[in-house]
Amino acid sequence: MVFALDSRLRQDSHLIGRNQHALLLMMNDCRYPWFIVVPQRANVSEWFDLSQEEQVSLHLDCVRLGQCVQNAFACEKINIAALGNIVRQMHVHVVGRNTGDVAWPGPVWGHSPAIGYNDSQRDARRVALFEQPELPFTPI
């Protein structure tokens, strides 16, 4: 089967990067530096559906992305989570958090409707992330 990005992920985010194994999305909510890593594998919904090599690659991509998000956006805390209760396609959220953000200290999921980026906000956040030399993704 051919890989296709889930329609909800496509609708709620911007595709900004990729590497050999995964896509990098930026959630369309300007209140948080919120990114999503999606392995480019069809019919995968759980970590254990991936090979051991793919699991390690995904884990390391998310850890490096988290470090880059913290460095680029001066975040106090990085949340990394794979939920998949609504979107079954395997994907991992990497979210930068700060005391005082609108959802703090609770989760960002379901807190309130997203506030989308305007073009300049989206471009500035994208540029700041891709300025990080350790980022394991190349821009699209």
Protein backbone atom coordinates (compact mmCIF):
# COMPACT_ATOMS: atom_id res chain seq x y z
CA MET A 1 0.00 0.00 0.00
CA VAL A 2 1.13 3.56 -0.73
CA PHE A 3 1.72 6.06 2.08
CA ALA A 4 -0.73 8.97 2.24
CA LEU A 5 -0.90 11.63 4.93
CA ASP A 6 -4.10 11.43 6.97
CA SER A 7 -6.62 14.08 5.87
CA ARG A 8 -7.00 15.54 9.37
CA LEU A 9 -3.24 16.01 9.76
CA ARG A 10 -3.16 17.58 6.30
CA GLN A 11 -6.05 19.92 7.24
CA ASP A 12 -4.72 20.98 10.66
CA SER A 13 -1.04 21.53 9.85
CA HIS A 14 1.52 22.76 7.37
CA LEU A 15 3.99 20.36 5.75
CA ILE A 16 7.36 22.02 6.32
CA GLY A 17 10.06 19.34 6.13
CA ARG A 18 11.07 15.77 5.60
CA ASN A 19 13.89 13.31 5.95
CA GLN A 20 14.47 9.83 4.60
CA HIS A 21 11.84 8.25 6.88
CA ALA A 22 9.37 10.91 8.03
CA LEU A 23 7.47 14.10 7.32
CA LEU A 24 7.64 17.17 9.55
CA LEU A 25 4.43 19.11 10.04
CA MET A 26 3.80 22.35 11.91
CA MET A 27 0.44 22.44 13.67
CA ASN A 28 -1.59 25.45 12.57
CA ASP A 29 -1.86 26.98 16.04
CA CYS A 30 0.32 30.04 16.57
CA ARG A 31 0.06 29.86 20.37
CA TYR A 32 2.62 27.06 20.67
CA PRO A 33 5.68 25.85 18.77
CA TRP A 34 3.90 22.58 17.91
CA PHE A 35 5.31 20.11 15.43
CA ILE A 36 4.31 16.63 14.30
CA VAL A 37 6.54 13.85 12.96
CA VAL A 38 4.83 11.30 10.71
CA PRO A 39 6.68 8.14 9.60
CA GLN A 40 6.23 7.67 5.86
CA ARG A 41 4.82 4.17 6.18
CA ALA A 42 1.37 3.04 5.10
CA ASN A 43 -0.96 1.32 7.57
CA VAL A 44 1.07 2.11 10.68
CA SER A 45 -0.77 3.20 13.81
CA GLU A 46 1.43 1.98 16.69
CA TRP A 47 5.13 2.15 17.60
CA PHE A 48 5.30 -1.64 17.41
CA ASP A 49 4.04 -1.58 13.81
CA LEU A 50 7.41 -0.10 12.88
CA SER A 51 10.58 -2.14 12.54
CA GLN A 52 13.10 -1.74 15.35
CA GLU A 53 15.28 0.40 13.08
CA GLU A 54 12.29 2.64 12.25
CA GLN A 55 11.37 2.92 15.95
CA VAL A 56 14.88 4.08 16.83
CA SER A 57 14.96 6.52 13.91
CA LEU A 58 11.58 8.02 14.86
CA HIS A 59 12.58 8.29 18.51
CA LEU A 60 15.86 10.04 17.70
CA ASP A 61 14.17 12.37 15.20
CA CYS A 62 11.67 13.42 17.90
CA VAL A 63 14.37 13.90 20.55
CA ARG A 64 16.48 16.04 18.22
CA LEU A 65 13.42 17.99 17.12
CA GLY A 66 12.56 18.60 20.78
CA GLN A 67 16.04 19.97 21.44
CA CYS A 68 15.75 22.24 18.40
CA VAL A 69 12.32 23.50 19.48
CA GLN A 70 13.64 24.28 22.94
CA ASN A 71 16.65 26.12 21.51
CA ALA A 72 14.75 28.02 18.81
CA PHE A 73 11.81 29.13 20.93
CA ALA A 74 13.23 29.26 24.50
CA CYS A 75 10.68 26.74 25.78
CA GLU A 76 10.69 25.70 29.43
CA LYS A 77 9.29 22.24 28.71
CA ILE A 78 9.03 19.99 25.68
CA ASN A 79 6.10 17.58 25.46
CA ILE A 80 6.58 14.58 23.17
CA ALA A 81 3.58 12.29 22.72
CA ALA A 82 2.02 9.77 20.38
CA LEU A 83 -1.71 9.66 21.09
CA GLY A 84 -3.63 8.57 18.01
CA ASN A 85 -7.07 8.37 19.58
CA ILE A 86 -8.62 10.47 16.81
CA VAL A 87 -6.03 10.26 14.03
CA ARG A 88 -4.96 6.61 13.83
CA GLN A 89 -2.01 7.19 11.50
CA MET A 90 1.22 6.96 13.50
CA HIS A 91 2.40 10.47 14.36
CA VAL A 92 4.30 12.06 17.23
CA HIS A 93 3.61 15.52 18.62
CA VAL A 94 6.55 17.65 19.78
CA VAL A 95 5.23 20.73 21.57
CA GLY A 96 7.16 23.53 23.23
CA ARG A 97 5.51 24.74 26.44
CA ASN A 98 6.01 27.67 28.77
CA THR A 99 4.51 28.61 32.11
CA GLY A 100 1.72 30.99 31.29
CA ASP A 101 0.84 29.68 27.82
CA VAL A 102 -2.93 29.53 27.44
CA ALA A 103 -3.18 25.80 28.18
CA TRP A 104 -0.56 25.67 30.97
CA PRO A 105 -0.21 23.39 32.89
CA GLY A 106 -2.76 21.19 31.12
CA PRO A 107 -2.40 19.54 27.72
CA VAL A 108 -2.72 21.54 24.51
CA TRP A 109 -4.98 18.88 22.97
CA GLY A 110 -8.60 19.93 23.15
CA HIS A 111 -7.88 23.00 25.28
CA SER A 112 -9.50 25.48 22.92
CA PRO A 113 -9.89 26.08 19.18
CA ALA A 114 -6.61 26.65 17.36
CA ILE A 115 -5.55 30.14 16.37
CA GLY A 116 -4.04 29.79 12.91
CA TYR A 117 -0.86 31.45 11.74
CA ASN A 118 -0.83 34.42 9.46
CA ASP A 119 1.77 34.14 6.69
CA SER A 120 4.49 36.13 8.47
CA GLN A 121 4.06 34.22 11.77
CA ARG A 122 4.20 30.88 9.97
CA ASP A 123 7.28 31.86 7.97
CA ALA A 124 9.10 33.25 11.03
CA ARG A 125 8.49 30.09 13.08
CA ARG A 126 9.54 27.87 10.18
CA VAL A 127 12.75 29.87 9.59
CA ALA A 128 13.65 29.84 13.30
CA LEU A 129 13.30 26.07 13.44
CA PHE A 130 15.32 25.42 10.29
CA GLU A 131 18.12 27.65 11.58
CA GLN A 132 18.86 24.93 14.15
CA PRO A 133 21.87 22.95 12.85
CA GLU A 134 20.88 19.72 14.61
CA LEU A 135 17.39 19.57 13.04
CA PRO A 136 17.05 16.13 11.42
CA PHE A 137 14.77 17.41 8.63
CA THR A 138 15.27 19.41 5.47
CA PRO A 139 12.80 22.12 4.47
CA ILE A 140 10.16 21.59 1.83
